[in-house]
Amino acid sequence: MKKNIRVVLLFELLLFAVVFALLIVGGGLGLSAVAWFLDFPSLIVILLILIPGLIIMGEWKDFAKSFSVGIKSYRLLELKNIIEAVDAAQKLTVFAALFSIIISGVIVMGHLDNPETIGPNLAVCFLSGLYAVLIEFLLLPLRLNAERKMNEEMDMEDE
């Protein structure tokens, strides 16, 4: 069965949104708790390491192609490059989140004299990890789709 990776990613986002909504509303926190999970500086730090990192390594074009694997046809070498680009994006995401968590942790440690802010500041530290998990959640199907397509191409060459 031919799957469009964009549809898979859309359904993944929908699944995440439904589970998130159930946890928030079901936990009795109310919709105001959604704001607790928004920290744009942490997300920007991750993206500012991920995107330029891919560009500097020369992987950006291959990474962009990963969204059209299965829609467009690619040669084996191109599929291998796409897999490597997604792998690089996965590693950069983890390193970027770790960097952001460490920076946030240092800031929290610098404000230990104010005990009321420790909890909210620690929550912000963890949000970088959450964002990395979400990005990885979206990158994994891209990699698996490219690997599956590469295996299909290799199988067709053997016949």
Foldseek 3Di string as FASTA:
>chain_A
DQDQLVVVLVVLVVVVVVVVVCCCVVVVPDPVCVVLLDDVVLVVQLVVQLVVVCVVVVLNVLCVCLNCQSVDDDDLVSLVSNLVSLVSSLVSLVVSLVVQLVVLVVVLVVPVVDVVCNVSSNSVSCSSVVVSVVVVSSSVSSNVSSVVSSVVNVVVVVD
